[in-house]
N, C-alpha and C. Protein backbone atom coordinates (compact mmCIF):
# COMPACT_ATOMS: atom_id res chain seq x y z
N UNK A 1 130.38 160.59 -12.69
CA UNK A 1 129.46 159.78 -13.45
C UNK A 1 128.85 158.73 -12.53
N UNK A 2 127.57 158.59 -12.56
CA UNK A 2 126.86 157.61 -11.74
C UNK A 2 126.41 156.47 -12.63
N UNK A 3 126.72 155.26 -12.22
CA UNK A 3 126.29 154.08 -12.97
C UNK A 3 125.47 153.18 -12.07
N UNK A 4 124.42 152.62 -12.64
CA UNK A 4 123.54 151.72 -11.91
C UNK A 4 123.50 150.38 -12.63
N UNK A 5 123.70 149.31 -11.90
CA UNK A 5 123.71 147.97 -12.48
C UNK A 5 122.75 147.08 -11.69
N UNK A 6 121.70 146.64 -12.37
CA UNK A 6 120.72 145.76 -11.74
C UNK A 6 121.14 144.30 -11.88
N UNK A 7 120.69 143.49 -10.93
CA UNK A 7 120.91 142.04 -10.99
C UNK A 7 119.81 141.36 -10.19
N UNK A 8 119.73 140.04 -10.34
CA UNK A 8 118.78 139.26 -9.55
C UNK A 8 117.53 138.83 -10.27
N UNK A 9 117.36 139.27 -11.50
CA UNK A 9 116.20 138.85 -12.25
C UNK A 9 116.30 137.40 -12.67
N UNK A 10 115.20 136.88 -13.21
CA UNK A 10 115.21 135.50 -13.67
C UNK A 10 113.81 134.99 -13.91
N UNK A 11 113.73 133.67 -14.06
CA UNK A 11 112.45 132.99 -14.28
C UNK A 11 112.02 132.33 -12.98
N UNK A 12 110.77 132.57 -12.59
CA UNK A 12 110.25 132.01 -11.35
C UNK A 12 108.79 131.64 -11.55
N UNK A 13 108.33 130.66 -10.82
CA UNK A 13 106.93 130.27 -10.89
C UNK A 13 106.07 131.23 -10.08
N UNK A 14 104.81 131.31 -10.45
CA UNK A 14 103.87 132.14 -9.70
C UNK A 14 103.87 131.72 -8.23
N UNK A 15 103.85 132.72 -7.36
CA UNK A 15 103.92 132.46 -5.93
C UNK A 15 105.32 132.47 -5.38
N UNK A 16 106.31 132.49 -6.25
CA UNK A 16 107.70 132.48 -5.82
C UNK A 16 108.21 133.87 -5.49
N UNK A 17 109.51 133.92 -5.18
CA UNK A 17 110.14 135.18 -4.75
C UNK A 17 111.44 135.41 -5.50
N UNK A 18 111.77 136.68 -5.64
CA UNK A 18 113.06 137.11 -6.16
C UNK A 18 113.48 138.35 -5.40
N UNK A 19 114.79 138.56 -5.32
CA UNK A 19 115.30 139.81 -4.78
C UNK A 19 116.18 140.47 -5.82
N UNK A 20 115.78 141.63 -6.25
CA UNK A 20 116.57 142.42 -7.19
C UNK A 20 117.53 143.32 -6.42
N UNK A 21 118.71 143.48 -7.00
CA UNK A 21 119.70 144.38 -6.43
C UNK A 21 120.10 145.41 -7.48
N UNK A 22 120.48 146.57 -7.01
CA UNK A 22 120.96 147.61 -7.91
C UNK A 22 122.19 148.25 -7.24
N UNK A 23 123.34 147.97 -7.82
CA UNK A 23 124.59 148.52 -7.31
C UNK A 23 124.87 149.85 -7.99
N UNK A 24 125.20 150.83 -7.18
CA UNK A 24 125.42 152.18 -7.69
C UNK A 24 126.87 152.58 -7.49
N UNK A 25 127.51 152.97 -8.57
CA UNK A 25 128.89 153.45 -8.48
C UNK A 25 128.89 154.95 -8.69
N UNK A 26 129.91 155.57 -8.16
CA UNK A 26 129.98 157.01 -8.25
C UNK A 26 129.91 157.62 -6.87
N UNK A 27 129.88 158.88 -6.82
CA UNK A 27 129.95 159.56 -5.53
C UNK A 27 128.57 159.74 -4.91
N UNK A 28 128.58 159.83 -3.61
CA UNK A 28 127.42 160.30 -2.85
C UNK A 28 126.17 159.47 -3.03
N UNK A 29 126.31 158.14 -3.04
CA UNK A 29 125.11 157.29 -3.12
C UNK A 29 124.15 157.62 -2.00
N UNK A 30 124.66 157.94 -0.83
CA UNK A 30 123.79 158.19 0.32
C UNK A 30 122.95 159.45 0.14
N UNK A 31 123.23 160.24 -0.85
CA UNK A 31 122.44 161.45 -1.11
C UNK A 31 121.34 161.24 -2.12
N UNK A 32 121.22 160.04 -2.66
CA UNK A 32 120.23 159.78 -3.69
C UNK A 32 119.01 159.07 -3.13
N UNK A 33 117.86 159.51 -3.56
CA UNK A 33 116.67 158.69 -3.41
C UNK A 33 116.69 157.68 -4.55
N UNK A 34 116.11 156.53 -4.32
CA UNK A 34 116.16 155.46 -5.32
C UNK A 34 114.76 154.96 -5.64
N UNK A 35 114.63 154.42 -6.83
CA UNK A 35 113.33 153.88 -7.22
C UNK A 35 113.47 152.68 -8.12
N UNK A 36 112.40 151.94 -8.21
CA UNK A 36 112.29 150.81 -9.14
C UNK A 36 111.09 151.06 -10.05
N UNK A 37 111.30 150.77 -11.32
CA UNK A 37 110.26 150.86 -12.33
C UNK A 37 110.27 149.56 -13.12
N UNK A 38 109.21 149.33 -13.89
CA UNK A 38 109.17 148.14 -14.73
C UNK A 38 108.45 148.44 -16.03
N UNK A 39 108.79 147.67 -17.03
CA UNK A 39 108.16 147.83 -18.33
C UNK A 39 107.93 146.48 -18.95
N UNK A 40 106.68 146.17 -19.19
CA UNK A 40 106.31 144.93 -19.87
C UNK A 40 106.21 145.20 -21.36
N UNK A 41 106.35 144.17 -22.19
CA UNK A 41 106.27 144.35 -23.64
C UNK A 41 104.96 145.01 -24.06
N UNK A 42 105.06 146.05 -24.87
CA UNK A 42 103.88 146.73 -25.37
C UNK A 42 103.24 147.69 -24.40
N UNK A 43 103.86 147.85 -23.24
CA UNK A 43 103.29 148.75 -22.23
C UNK A 43 104.29 149.85 -21.87
N UNK A 44 103.78 150.91 -21.28
CA UNK A 44 104.65 151.98 -20.83
C UNK A 44 105.34 151.58 -19.54
N UNK A 45 106.48 152.23 -19.30
CA UNK A 45 107.19 151.98 -18.05
C UNK A 45 106.35 152.52 -16.89
N UNK A 46 106.29 151.75 -15.80
CA UNK A 46 105.47 152.14 -14.67
C UNK A 46 106.26 152.11 -13.37
N UNK A 47 105.85 152.95 -12.46
CA UNK A 47 106.46 153.05 -11.14
C UNK A 47 106.15 151.80 -10.31
N UNK A 48 107.16 151.32 -9.58
CA UNK A 48 106.97 150.18 -8.69
C UNK A 48 107.15 150.58 -7.23
N UNK A 49 108.29 151.18 -6.91
CA UNK A 49 108.57 151.53 -5.52
C UNK A 49 109.65 152.60 -5.47
N UNK A 50 109.66 153.35 -4.37
CA UNK A 50 110.65 154.39 -4.16
C UNK A 50 111.05 154.44 -2.69
N UNK A 51 112.27 154.91 -2.46
CA UNK A 51 112.78 155.05 -1.10
C UNK A 51 113.52 156.37 -0.99
N UNK A 52 113.39 157.00 0.17
CA UNK A 52 113.96 158.33 0.36
C UNK A 52 115.47 158.24 0.56
N UNK A 53 116.10 159.39 0.58
CA UNK A 53 117.55 159.48 0.65
C UNK A 53 118.12 158.67 1.80
N UNK A 54 117.56 158.81 2.99
CA UNK A 54 118.09 158.12 4.16
C UNK A 54 117.35 156.81 4.45
N UNK A 55 116.41 156.46 3.59
CA UNK A 55 115.75 155.17 3.71
C UNK A 55 114.61 155.11 4.69
N UNK A 56 114.24 156.22 5.29
CA UNK A 56 113.19 156.16 6.32
C UNK A 56 111.79 156.23 5.74
N UNK A 57 111.67 156.61 4.50
CA UNK A 57 110.37 156.68 3.83
C UNK A 57 110.38 155.80 2.61
N UNK A 58 109.31 155.05 2.43
CA UNK A 58 109.15 154.23 1.24
C UNK A 58 107.74 154.42 0.69
N UNK A 59 107.63 154.13 -0.59
CA UNK A 59 106.32 154.22 -1.25
C UNK A 59 106.26 153.11 -2.28
N UNK A 60 105.16 152.37 -2.27
CA UNK A 60 104.98 151.25 -3.20
C UNK A 60 103.70 151.45 -4.00
N UNK A 61 103.75 151.09 -5.26
CA UNK A 61 102.57 151.14 -6.10
C UNK A 61 101.51 150.18 -5.57
N UNK A 62 100.26 150.52 -5.79
CA UNK A 62 99.17 149.68 -5.29
C UNK A 62 99.26 148.25 -5.81
N UNK A 63 99.73 148.08 -7.03
CA UNK A 63 99.79 146.75 -7.64
C UNK A 63 100.76 145.81 -6.93
N UNK A 64 101.71 146.37 -6.19
CA UNK A 64 102.73 145.54 -5.54
C UNK A 64 102.70 145.67 -4.03
N UNK A 65 101.88 146.54 -3.50
CA UNK A 65 101.84 146.79 -2.07
C UNK A 65 101.51 145.51 -1.31
N UNK A 66 102.30 145.24 -0.28
CA UNK A 66 102.11 144.02 0.50
C UNK A 66 102.86 142.83 -0.04
N UNK A 67 103.40 142.94 -1.24
CA UNK A 67 104.17 141.84 -1.85
C UNK A 67 105.63 142.23 -2.10
N UNK A 68 105.86 143.47 -2.46
CA UNK A 68 107.21 143.95 -2.76
C UNK A 68 107.67 144.89 -1.65
N UNK A 69 108.98 144.89 -1.41
CA UNK A 69 109.55 145.80 -0.42
C UNK A 69 110.85 146.38 -0.95
N UNK A 70 110.95 147.69 -0.95
CA UNK A 70 112.18 148.36 -1.36
C UNK A 70 113.00 148.67 -0.10
N UNK A 71 114.32 148.53 -0.22
CA UNK A 71 115.21 148.87 0.88
C UNK A 71 116.51 149.40 0.30
N UNK A 72 117.30 150.03 1.17
CA UNK A 72 118.50 150.73 0.70
C UNK A 72 119.59 150.54 1.74
N UNK A 73 120.77 150.14 1.29
CA UNK A 73 121.91 150.00 2.18
C UNK A 73 122.98 150.99 1.74
N UNK A 74 123.08 152.09 2.46
CA UNK A 74 124.04 153.12 2.08
C UNK A 74 125.48 152.70 2.29
N UNK A 75 125.71 151.68 3.11
CA UNK A 75 127.08 151.21 3.32
C UNK A 75 127.56 150.34 2.16
N UNK A 76 126.61 149.80 1.40
CA UNK A 76 126.94 148.94 0.26
C UNK A 76 126.61 149.58 -1.07
N UNK A 77 126.14 150.83 -1.03
CA UNK A 77 125.76 151.52 -2.27
C UNK A 77 124.78 150.69 -3.11
N UNK A 78 123.84 150.10 -2.43
CA UNK A 78 122.93 149.17 -3.11
C UNK A 78 121.49 149.39 -2.66
N UNK A 79 120.58 149.29 -3.61
CA UNK A 79 119.16 149.31 -3.32
C UNK A 79 118.58 147.96 -3.74
N UNK A 80 117.60 147.50 -2.98
CA UNK A 80 117.02 146.18 -3.20
C UNK A 80 115.52 146.28 -3.46
N UNK A 81 115.02 145.26 -4.13
CA UNK A 81 113.58 145.10 -4.26
C UNK A 81 113.26 143.64 -3.97
N UNK A 82 112.72 143.39 -2.80
CA UNK A 82 112.29 142.04 -2.44
C UNK A 82 110.90 141.83 -3.00
N UNK A 83 110.75 140.80 -3.80
CA UNK A 83 109.48 140.53 -4.46
C UNK A 83 108.97 139.16 -4.03
N UNK A 84 107.85 139.14 -3.36
CA UNK A 84 107.24 137.90 -2.89
C UNK A 84 105.89 137.69 -3.55
N UNK A 85 105.43 136.45 -3.52
CA UNK A 85 104.13 136.10 -4.10
C UNK A 85 104.00 136.67 -5.51
N UNK A 86 104.98 136.38 -6.32
CA UNK A 86 105.00 136.92 -7.68
C UNK A 86 103.86 136.38 -8.53
N UNK A 87 103.38 137.22 -9.43
CA UNK A 87 102.28 136.88 -10.32
C UNK A 87 102.75 137.02 -11.77
N UNK A 88 102.12 136.33 -12.69
CA UNK A 88 102.52 136.46 -14.10
C UNK A 88 102.50 137.90 -14.58
N UNK A 89 101.60 138.71 -14.07
CA UNK A 89 101.52 140.10 -14.50
C UNK A 89 102.68 140.95 -13.97
N UNK A 90 103.51 140.38 -13.10
CA UNK A 90 104.71 141.08 -12.65
C UNK A 90 105.86 140.93 -13.64
N UNK A 91 105.70 140.10 -14.64
CA UNK A 91 106.75 139.89 -15.65
C UNK A 91 107.04 141.19 -16.38
N UNK A 92 108.30 141.57 -16.39
CA UNK A 92 108.68 142.83 -17.01
C UNK A 92 110.19 142.99 -16.92
N UNK A 93 110.67 144.01 -17.59
CA UNK A 93 112.06 144.45 -17.42
C UNK A 93 112.05 145.47 -16.28
N UNK A 94 112.82 145.20 -15.25
CA UNK A 94 112.84 146.04 -14.06
C UNK A 94 114.07 146.94 -14.08
N UNK A 95 113.83 148.23 -13.87
CA UNK A 95 114.88 149.24 -13.86
C UNK A 95 115.01 149.86 -12.47
N UNK A 96 116.23 150.15 -12.07
CA UNK A 96 116.40 151.01 -10.91
C UNK A 96 116.84 152.39 -11.40
N UNK A 97 116.58 153.37 -10.56
CA UNK A 97 116.89 154.75 -10.91
C UNK A 97 117.28 155.53 -9.66
N UNK A 98 118.06 156.58 -9.87
CA UNK A 98 118.53 157.42 -8.77
C UNK A 98 118.10 158.85 -9.00
N UNK A 99 117.71 159.51 -7.91
CA UNK A 99 117.23 160.88 -7.99
C UNK A 99 117.92 161.74 -6.95
N UNK A 100 118.16 163.00 -7.29
CA UNK A 100 118.75 163.92 -6.33
C UNK A 100 117.69 164.57 -5.44
N UNK A 101 116.43 164.37 -5.76
CA UNK A 101 115.37 164.85 -4.88
C UNK A 101 115.17 163.88 -3.72
N UNK A 102 114.42 164.27 -2.71
CA UNK A 102 114.38 163.47 -1.47
C UNK A 102 113.61 162.17 -1.62
N UNK A 103 112.46 162.21 -2.27
CA UNK A 103 111.64 161.01 -2.48
C UNK A 103 110.84 161.25 -3.75
N UNK A 104 110.99 160.38 -4.73
CA UNK A 104 110.42 160.63 -6.05
C UNK A 104 109.62 159.43 -6.51
N UNK A 105 108.41 159.66 -6.97
CA UNK A 105 107.61 158.57 -7.53
C UNK A 105 107.38 158.74 -9.02
N UNK A 106 107.71 159.90 -9.54
CA UNK A 106 107.52 160.16 -10.96
C UNK A 106 108.78 159.82 -11.74
N UNK A 107 108.59 159.17 -12.86
CA UNK A 107 109.72 158.80 -13.72
C UNK A 107 110.55 160.03 -14.10
N UNK A 108 109.89 161.14 -14.29
CA UNK A 108 110.58 162.35 -14.74
C UNK A 108 111.50 162.93 -13.67
N UNK A 109 111.34 162.49 -12.44
CA UNK A 109 112.15 163.03 -11.35
C UNK A 109 113.48 162.34 -11.16
N UNK A 110 113.73 161.30 -11.94
CA UNK A 110 114.96 160.53 -11.78
C UNK A 110 116.03 160.98 -12.76
N UNK A 111 117.26 160.99 -12.27
CA UNK A 111 118.38 161.52 -13.04
C UNK A 111 119.23 160.44 -13.70
N UNK A 112 119.29 159.27 -13.08
CA UNK A 112 120.15 158.21 -13.59
C UNK A 112 119.36 156.89 -13.62
N UNK A 113 119.66 156.09 -14.63
CA UNK A 113 118.93 154.84 -14.84
C UNK A 113 119.89 153.70 -15.13
N UNK A 114 119.49 152.49 -14.68
CA UNK A 114 120.21 151.30 -15.06
C UNK A 114 119.68 150.74 -16.36
N UNK A 115 120.26 149.63 -16.78
CA UNK A 115 119.88 148.99 -18.04
C UNK A 115 118.74 148.00 -17.90
N UNK A 116 118.45 147.61 -16.68
CA UNK A 116 117.32 146.73 -16.45
C UNK A 116 117.70 145.27 -16.26
N UNK A 117 116.84 144.56 -15.54
CA UNK A 117 116.99 143.12 -15.36
C UNK A 117 115.62 142.48 -15.59
N UNK A 118 115.61 141.37 -16.31
CA UNK A 118 114.35 140.75 -16.72
C UNK A 118 113.80 139.85 -15.63
N UNK A 119 112.53 140.01 -15.37
CA UNK A 119 111.80 139.12 -14.45
C UNK A 119 110.68 138.47 -15.24
N UNK A 120 110.62 137.16 -15.21
CA UNK A 120 109.58 136.41 -15.88
C UNK A 120 108.93 135.47 -14.88
N UNK A 121 107.61 135.57 -14.77
CA UNK A 121 106.86 134.75 -13.83
C UNK A 121 105.95 133.83 -14.61
N UNK A 122 106.13 132.55 -14.45
CA UNK A 122 105.32 131.58 -15.18
C UNK A 122 104.12 131.17 -14.33
N UNK A 123 103.03 130.87 -15.04
CA UNK A 123 101.80 130.50 -14.32
C UNK A 123 101.74 129.01 -14.07
């Protein structure tokens, strides 16, 4: 059984930074590609960033490119999302997810999901 637990969310002013973490328990974390998604109230869940199994490839949504960075530490079974220059429109519930495919940007390609951590950015 694979479990994902997000942390690091909170309330921050526009222009500020947060780092989200997602700890993964279970076997073979190093074999999973990881991703971050977010869902704002009244909106569909959207892709934010993804990282390949060994961490050498990353992909970021246009809305966050240049501000957010996904990274993966296979020794700590943890994936991170560094978020800089946050904007009010970044406010959402952020989810991490794990996939057995090599690099996945589609929500449908992920096999395991966390419960989410709330990020709120005030103007």
